Amino acid sequence: MVRTLSTTLLLSISVMMLTGCPGPGDRIVPDETSLASRKGGKVCIEIKDAQDYQPVAIAINLRGTPSKEKKYNFSPNLIVSDGELCIPSTFYGFINGNKYIIEFILRSKRNNDESRSFVVGMGVNNNQVYNFPLSGREFTRPYGAIEVSE
């Protein structure tokens, strides 16, 4: 009995030493999503509770682009203003008839450790912007979230 208990305790400690203890860095933070709309010559994405968050990275790719082929911009010259991130046509030219996945990271100006990750599904049809639901492969959902099909 004592030998079995000590072996179990030694095995448990060894497993924790080899795998590490769970901590705050081990938790997956789900992506946020939002709605896109056209405002003049810009595509604007609503940012709820925008506070002092500003973009530090953005990727705009056609839906279905493989991960290895996605193009990222780590110094976008864009700002969040009045609760919206607006993308002018000079930054990216959205083409009629295409569907896009827009991914971006916002970071707090006051607390550099605080960031938010967004993924937005947006299409253009007859020069009008529309939103579509994202699949489970396109963004990280909270545990137990309901899948929405297109």
Protein backbone atom coordinates (compact mmCIF):
# COMPACT_ATOMS: atom_id res chain seq x y z
CA MET A 1 0.00 0.00 0.00
CA VAL A 2 2.74 2.48 0.96
CA ARG A 3 4.79 1.47 -2.10
CA THR A 4 1.80 1.96 -4.44
CA LEU A 5 1.05 5.37 -2.89
CA SER A 6 4.66 6.55 -3.17
CA THR A 7 4.89 5.28 -6.78
CA THR A 8 1.66 7.10 -7.68
CA LEU A 9 2.87 10.29 -6.00
CA LEU A 10 6.25 10.10 -7.74
CA LEU A 11 4.56 9.48 -11.09
CA SER A 12 2.18 12.44 -10.57
CA ILE A 13 5.02 14.79 -9.68
CA SER A 14 7.04 13.59 -12.68
CA VAL A 15 4.14 14.18 -15.06
CA MET A 16 3.62 17.71 -13.70
CA MET A 17 7.34 18.46 -14.00
CA LEU A 18 7.46 17.23 -17.59
CA THR A 19 4.24 18.84 -18.81
CA GLY A 20 4.10 21.92 -16.61
CA CYS A 21 1.24 23.31 -14.63
CA PRO A 22 -1.67 25.02 -16.31
CA GLY A 23 -1.52 28.79 -16.09
CA PRO A 24 -2.93 31.97 -17.64
CA GLY A 25 -0.72 31.65 -20.74
CA ASP A 26 -2.19 28.22 -21.48
CA ARG A 27 -5.73 29.41 -22.08
CA ILE A 28 -6.96 29.98 -25.61
CA VAL A 29 -8.62 33.36 -25.95
CA PRO A 30 -11.45 33.22 -28.49
CA ASP A 31 -11.43 35.61 -31.43
CA GLU A 32 -13.98 38.38 -31.58
CA THR A 33 -16.01 39.01 -34.69
CA SER A 34 -17.94 42.03 -35.86
CA LEU A 35 -19.86 43.55 -38.75
CA ALA A 36 -18.45 45.32 -41.78
CA SER A 37 -20.20 48.01 -43.79
CA ARG A 38 -19.36 50.42 -46.58
CA LYS A 39 -19.04 54.09 -45.69
CA GLY A 40 -18.18 56.14 -48.72
CA GLY A 41 -15.04 54.67 -50.26
CA LYS A 42 -14.13 52.78 -47.06
CA VAL A 43 -15.03 49.43 -45.54
CA CYS A 44 -15.60 49.98 -41.81
CA ILE A 45 -15.69 47.36 -39.08
CA GLU A 46 -17.54 48.06 -35.86
CA ILE A 47 -15.40 47.73 -32.70
CA LYS A 48 -17.48 47.40 -29.55
CA ASP A 49 -15.87 48.85 -26.42
CA ALA A 50 -13.03 50.32 -28.53
CA GLN A 51 -11.49 52.33 -25.65
CA ASP A 52 -7.86 53.07 -26.61
CA TYR A 53 -7.27 50.00 -28.79
CA GLN A 54 -5.42 50.47 -32.09
CA PRO A 55 -4.44 47.99 -34.83
CA VAL A 56 -0.96 46.45 -34.70
CA ALA A 57 -1.46 43.79 -37.40
CA ILE A 58 -3.97 43.04 -40.14
CA ALA A 59 -4.48 40.36 -42.77
CA ILE A 60 -7.02 40.67 -45.58
CA ASN A 61 -7.23 37.55 -47.70
CA LEU A 62 -9.70 35.84 -49.97
CA ARG A 63 -11.80 33.26 -48.16
CA GLY A 64 -10.15 29.86 -48.49
CA THR A 65 -6.58 31.16 -48.75
CA PRO A 66 -4.26 28.56 -47.14
CA SER A 67 -2.52 29.73 -43.95
CA LYS A 68 0.93 29.60 -45.55
CA GLU A 69 -0.19 31.93 -48.36
CA LYS A 70 -1.89 34.59 -46.21
CA LYS A 71 -0.40 38.07 -46.34
CA TYR A 72 -0.02 40.04 -43.10
CA ASN A 73 0.76 43.70 -42.47
CA PHE A 74 2.43 44.25 -39.09
CA SER A 75 2.47 48.04 -39.32
CA PRO A 76 -0.90 49.05 -40.75
CA ASN A 77 -1.42 52.76 -41.12
CA LEU A 78 -5.01 52.46 -39.86
CA ILE A 79 -6.74 53.76 -36.73
CA VAL A 80 -9.82 52.94 -34.69
CA SER A 81 -11.94 56.07 -34.50
CA ASP A 82 -15.47 56.50 -33.17
CA GLY A 83 -15.72 52.75 -32.52
CA GLU A 84 -14.79 51.72 -36.07
CA LEU A 85 -11.76 50.46 -37.94
CA CYS A 86 -12.09 51.85 -41.46
CA ILE A 87 -10.10 50.45 -44.38
CA PRO A 88 -9.77 52.91 -47.29
CA SER A 89 -9.51 51.69 -50.88
CA THR A 90 -5.93 53.04 -50.93
CA PHE A 91 -5.03 50.45 -48.26
CA TYR A 92 -6.88 47.50 -49.83
CA GLY A 93 -9.01 47.25 -52.96
CA PHE A 94 -11.96 44.94 -52.33
CA ILE A 95 -13.10 43.38 -55.61
CA ASN A 96 -16.75 42.88 -56.50
CA GLY A 97 -17.86 39.22 -56.30
CA ASN A 98 -15.23 38.11 -53.76
CA LYS A 99 -15.44 36.96 -50.15
CA TYR A 100 -12.75 38.06 -47.70
CA ILE A 101 -11.54 37.06 -44.27
CA ILE A 102 -10.26 40.11 -42.40
CA GLU A 103 -8.11 39.28 -39.37
CA PHE A 104 -6.61 41.95 -37.15
CA ILE A 105 -5.14 42.49 -33.71
CA LEU A 106 -5.87 45.55 -31.61
CA ARG A 107 -3.58 46.50 -28.73
CA SER A 108 -4.32 48.87 -25.87
CA LYS A 109 -2.24 52.06 -25.86
CA ARG A 110 -2.43 52.27 -22.04
CA ASN A 111 -1.64 48.62 -21.32
CA ASN A 112 0.58 47.07 -23.99
CA ASP A 113 -0.15 43.57 -22.61
CA GLU A 114 -3.84 43.82 -23.48
CA SER A 115 -4.76 42.81 -27.01
CA ARG A 116 -7.88 41.70 -28.85
CA SER A 117 -8.01 39.45 -31.90
CA PHE A 118 -10.77 39.89 -34.50
CA VAL A 119 -11.86 37.83 -37.50
CA VAL A 120 -14.54 39.20 -39.83
CA GLY A 121 -16.17 37.51 -42.83
CA MET A 122 -17.09 40.06 -45.47
CA GLY A 123 -18.09 39.89 -49.12
CA VAL A 124 -18.75 42.35 -51.92
CA ASN A 125 -21.68 41.90 -54.30
CA ASN A 126 -22.88 44.62 -56.71
CA ASN A 127 -20.44 46.93 -54.90
CA GLN A 128 -22.38 46.40 -51.66
CA VAL A 129 -20.65 44.97 -48.58
CA TYR A 130 -22.29 42.04 -46.77
CA ASN A 131 -21.28 39.88 -43.81
CA PHE A 132 -21.26 36.09 -43.66
CA PRO A 133 -20.87 33.66 -40.75
CA LEU A 134 -17.42 32.20 -40.18
CA SER A 135 -16.72 28.47 -40.01
CA GLY A 136 -14.97 26.78 -37.09
CA ARG A 137 -11.76 26.67 -39.14
CA GLU A 138 -11.79 30.41 -39.74
CA PHE A 139 -11.77 31.63 -36.14
CA THR A 140 -11.44 30.45 -32.57
CA ARG A 141 -14.82 30.23 -30.87
CA PRO A 142 -15.58 30.12 -27.16
CA TYR A 143 -15.94 26.57 -25.86
CA GLY A 144 -19.44 25.27 -26.55
CA ALA A 145 -20.32 27.96 -29.11
CA ILE A 146 -22.95 27.02 -31.63
CA GLU A 147 -21.75 26.43 -35.19
CA VAL A 148 -23.53 28.60 -37.75
CA SER A 149 -23.58 27.38 -41.33
CA GLU A 150 -23.71 29.69 -44.30
